[in-house]
Structures are given as C-alpha cells and as structure tokens.
Protein backbone atom coordinates (compact mmCIF):
# COMPACT_ATOMS: atom_id res chain seq x y z
CA UNK A 1 23.76 6.18 17.73
CA UNK A 2 23.25 3.17 15.88
CA UNK A 3 25.76 0.62 16.43
CA UNK A 4 24.81 -1.27 12.88
CA UNK A 5 22.65 -1.22 9.95
CA UNK A 6 22.22 -2.88 6.88
CA UNK A 7 19.76 -1.52 3.79
CA UNK A 8 18.94 -2.62 0.31
CA UNK A 9 17.59 -1.15 -2.61
CA UNK A 10 16.18 -3.11 -5.79
CA UNK A 11 13.69 -3.22 -8.50
CA UNK A 12 11.06 -6.26 -8.88
CA UNK A 13 11.12 -7.51 -12.28
CA UNK A 14 8.60 -5.81 -14.63
CA UNK A 15 5.26 -7.39 -16.08
CA UNK A 16 2.19 -6.27 -17.46
CA UNK A 17 0.45 -6.26 -14.34
CA UNK A 18 2.80 -4.62 -12.41
CA UNK A 19 5.34 -2.09 -14.01
CA UNK A 20 8.54 -0.92 -12.25
CA UNK A 21 8.13 -1.24 -8.50
CA UNK A 22 11.34 -0.28 -6.54
CA UNK A 23 11.22 -2.01 -3.34
CA UNK A 24 13.90 -1.01 0.03
CA UNK A 25 14.55 -2.78 3.20
CA UNK A 26 16.46 -1.89 6.22
CA UNK A 27 17.16 -2.91 9.68
CA UNK A 28 18.89 -0.95 11.96
CA UNK A 29 20.00 -1.58 15.93
CA UNK A 30 18.79 1.36 18.05
CA UNK A 31 19.11 2.22 21.78
CA UNK A 32 15.22 2.75 22.30
CA UNK A 33 13.09 -0.13 22.89
CA UNK A 34 11.04 -2.07 21.03
CA UNK A 35 7.59 -0.36 22.61
CA UNK A 36 8.87 3.20 21.51
CA UNK A 37 10.04 2.62 18.42
CA UNK A 38 6.84 1.08 17.94
CA UNK A 39 4.36 3.47 19.50
CA UNK A 40 7.14 6.17 17.32
CA UNK A 41 5.89 4.87 13.85
CA UNK A 42 2.24 3.70 15.00
CA UNK A 43 1.60 7.49 16.33
CA UNK A 44 0.53 8.41 12.15
CA UNK A 45 -1.29 11.98 13.11
CA UNK A 46 2.13 13.15 14.19
CA UNK A 47 3.85 12.43 10.89
CA UNK A 48 3.86 16.16 9.64
CA UNK A 49 5.31 16.97 12.29
CA UNK A 50 9.12 15.38 11.77
CA UNK A 51 8.41 13.09 8.56
CA UNK A 52 9.89 15.07 5.00
CA UNK A 53 6.95 15.68 2.90
CA UNK A 54 3.89 14.85 4.63
CA UNK A 55 2.57 17.82 5.33
CA UNK A 56 -0.35 16.36 6.97
CA UNK A 57 -1.96 13.32 8.49
CA UNK A 58 -5.72 12.75 9.30
CA UNK A 59 -6.84 9.86 10.85
CA UNK A 60 -9.83 8.67 9.35
CA UNK A 61 -11.35 5.62 12.23
CA UNK A 62 -9.46 3.07 14.35
CA UNK A 63 -11.43 -0.40 15.21
CA UNK A 64 -9.87 -3.11 17.35
CA UNK A 65 -9.98 -6.44 15.96
CA UNK A 66 -8.58 -9.09 18.17
CA UNK A 67 -4.83 -9.30 18.62
CA UNK A 68 -4.73 -5.98 16.08
CA UNK A 69 -5.88 -2.81 15.66
CA UNK A 70 -6.82 -1.49 11.98
CA UNK A 71 -6.53 2.23 11.86
CA UNK A 72 -7.58 3.86 8.28
CA UNK A 73 -5.43 7.03 7.38
CA UNK A 74 -5.12 9.51 4.86
CA UNK A 75 -1.53 11.29 4.51
CA UNK A 76 -1.11 14.22 2.21
CA UNK A 77 2.57 14.08 0.43
CA UNK A 78 4.19 17.47 -0.82
CA UNK A 79 6.89 17.53 -2.85
CA UNK A 80 7.64 20.65 -5.40
CA UNK A 81 4.84 20.68 -7.35
CA UNK A 82 3.37 17.41 -6.37
CA UNK A 83 0.68 17.72 -3.97
CA UNK A 84 -1.35 14.61 -3.31
CA UNK A 85 -3.26 12.69 -0.61
CA UNK A 86 -3.44 8.94 -0.28
CA UNK A 87 -5.14 6.68 1.86
CA UNK A 88 -3.91 2.71 3.57
CA UNK A 89 -5.46 0.66 6.04
CA UNK A 90 -2.45 0.63 8.83
CA UNK A 91 -2.81 -2.54 10.84
CA UNK A 92 -0.85 -2.59 14.73
CA UNK A 93 -0.04 -5.75 15.84
CA UNK A 94 1.23 -4.35 19.48
CA UNK A 95 1.98 -7.82 20.44
CA UNK A 96 4.47 -8.85 18.32
CA UNK A 97 5.49 -5.34 17.54
CA UNK A 98 4.71 -5.10 13.90
CA UNK A 99 2.98 -2.59 11.98
CA UNK A 100 1.70 -3.20 8.18
CA UNK A 101 0.20 -0.92 5.72
CA UNK A 102 -1.18 -1.36 2.68
CA UNK A 103 -2.51 1.22 0.07
CA UNK A 104 -6.34 2.01 -0.28
CA UNK A 105 -6.69 4.94 -2.83
CA UNK A 106 -4.63 7.74 -3.97
CA UNK A 107 -1.79 8.50 -6.55
CA UNK A 108 -0.18 4.99 -6.25
CA UNK A 109 -0.70 1.72 -8.25
CA UNK A 110 0.39 -0.33 -5.33
CA UNK A 111 1.81 0.56 -2.00
CA UNK A 112 2.24 -1.97 1.01
CA UNK A 113 4.95 -1.48 3.70
CA UNK A 114 5.78 -3.69 6.95
CA UNK A 115 8.26 -2.16 10.33
CA UNK A 116 8.79 -4.79 12.85
CA UNK A 117 10.57 -3.95 16.42
CA UNK A 118 12.41 -6.22 18.49
CA UNK A 119 13.87 -6.12 21.70
CA UNK A 120 17.54 -7.19 21.99
CA UNK A 121 20.42 -6.51 24.21
CA UNK A 122 20.80 -2.68 24.87
CA UNK A 123 18.12 -1.54 22.52
CA UNK A 124 15.81 -2.66 19.80
CA UNK A 125 16.10 -4.03 16.27
CA UNK A 126 13.87 -1.86 13.51
CA UNK A 127 13.46 -3.67 10.29
CA UNK A 128 11.47 -1.98 8.02
CA UNK A 129 10.31 -2.79 4.43
CA UNK A 130 8.23 -0.99 1.13
CA UNK A 131 7.17 -1.64 -2.34
CA UNK A 132 5.03 0.88 -4.22
CA UNK A 133 4.36 1.73 -7.79
CA UNK A 134 2.93 5.33 -8.64
CA UNK A 135 -0.26 5.27 -11.24
CA UNK A 136 1.50 7.92 -13.26
CA UNK A 137 4.54 6.61 -15.26
CA UNK A 138 6.19 10.35 -15.14
CA UNK A 139 5.91 10.34 -11.33
CA UNK A 140 7.22 6.56 -11.11
CA UNK A 141 10.11 7.59 -13.18
CA UNK A 142 11.25 10.60 -10.78
CA UNK A 143 10.43 8.45 -7.83
CA UNK A 144 13.20 5.95 -8.89
CA UNK A 145 15.86 8.40 -9.58
CA UNK A 146 16.00 9.46 -5.83
CA UNK A 147 13.98 6.73 -4.20
CA UNK A 148 16.99 5.51 -2.52
CA UNK A 149 18.24 8.66 -0.81
CA UNK A 150 14.19 9.45 -0.10
CA UNK A 151 13.93 5.88 1.54
CA UNK A 152 16.93 6.85 3.27
CA UNK A 153 15.67 10.11 4.45
CA UNK A 154 12.51 8.52 5.90
CA UNK A 155 14.28 6.03 7.97
CA UNK A 156 16.43 9.10 9.18
CA UNK A 157 13.29 11.27 10.35
CA UNK A 158 12.33 8.32 12.56
CA UNK A 159 15.56 7.92 14.12
CA UNK A 160 15.80 11.82 14.74
CA UNK A 161 12.33 11.79 16.31
CA UNK A 162 13.19 9.16 18.77
CA UNK A 163 16.37 11.02 19.94
CA UNK A 164 14.07 14.12 20.38
CA UNK A 165 11.45 11.58 21.99
CA UNK A 166 12.95 9.20 24.25
CA UNK A 167 17.03 10.35 24.87
C-alpha cells in the first residue's frame, strides 16, 4: 500500500559537454522499514529476478571503507535488440541508509543515481534520483521517448519485490 507519492522528470540543459540528459526523481511512502528497503536495493545480485530489462548481474568486488562499502558491479541490460553490459560503482552507506551509484564503463556517457531511505511513522520514505545519457545518439533519442515510463516501471518493480519479500 502506498500512501503518497510524488515524482518529477526533467531534461537538463543541453551543452556540448553534456547532451540531452533526462533526470527522474521520485519520493514515496511505503509500509516497510527503511532497513528493509535499503537491503532490497543494496542486493544488486538479485536484480535479474525482478528488475525489468535486467538480464544478468555480477558483483566484481565489495570493499569495506569505514562508514561505507564500495561495490563494483556489472548489469546486463536487454531490451529488444539492445543488449549491453555496464559497470558501476555502488556506494552503500548503511548508517544513513543511502545508496549512490556512478557509472564506470559501458554504453553510457554519464549515469548517476541515489536512493535515500528514512523511517517515518508506519513505514518509510524512499527517495530515488537518476540522471543519465547514452553515448549513442540513437539510443539516447529512444530513451528520451520512453524514459518517464521506464523509470516508473523500475521503481514499481522494487515496490512489488518489497511486497513479495516483506508483506
């Protein structure tokens, strides 16, 4: 059950260095604990079980770095004829329940995302932000056409997975 939600999708200013870049942010109240939602999103290896267009996941390494853990991971994204692997650095902040992701290699020119989880009465507030651009202009144009729907599908997939695991 979701009690409230807000989301925005926008396009950053186009510059020579950073072309058309859609961004999406969403904040929701969910009837789970912040720890449960943090654990769900941090479990990158399980993404192929529930996340749309995710064909495979591989954890390269996890390093403890004081208050945080740094995970290097690869995801294989598959959509129709498009199939690409991309690597990312996932920084897990268990104390403050935040997960930052930044692009390392693959089809993107740029990609970053952030998840924040906060306990509030009767559940938790989950905030999500993503900003990316593909290197390939054709892929970037296609992404722009379905970006908002795709990002909402991704967030809904995490909600459904939480319901399966915690309800």
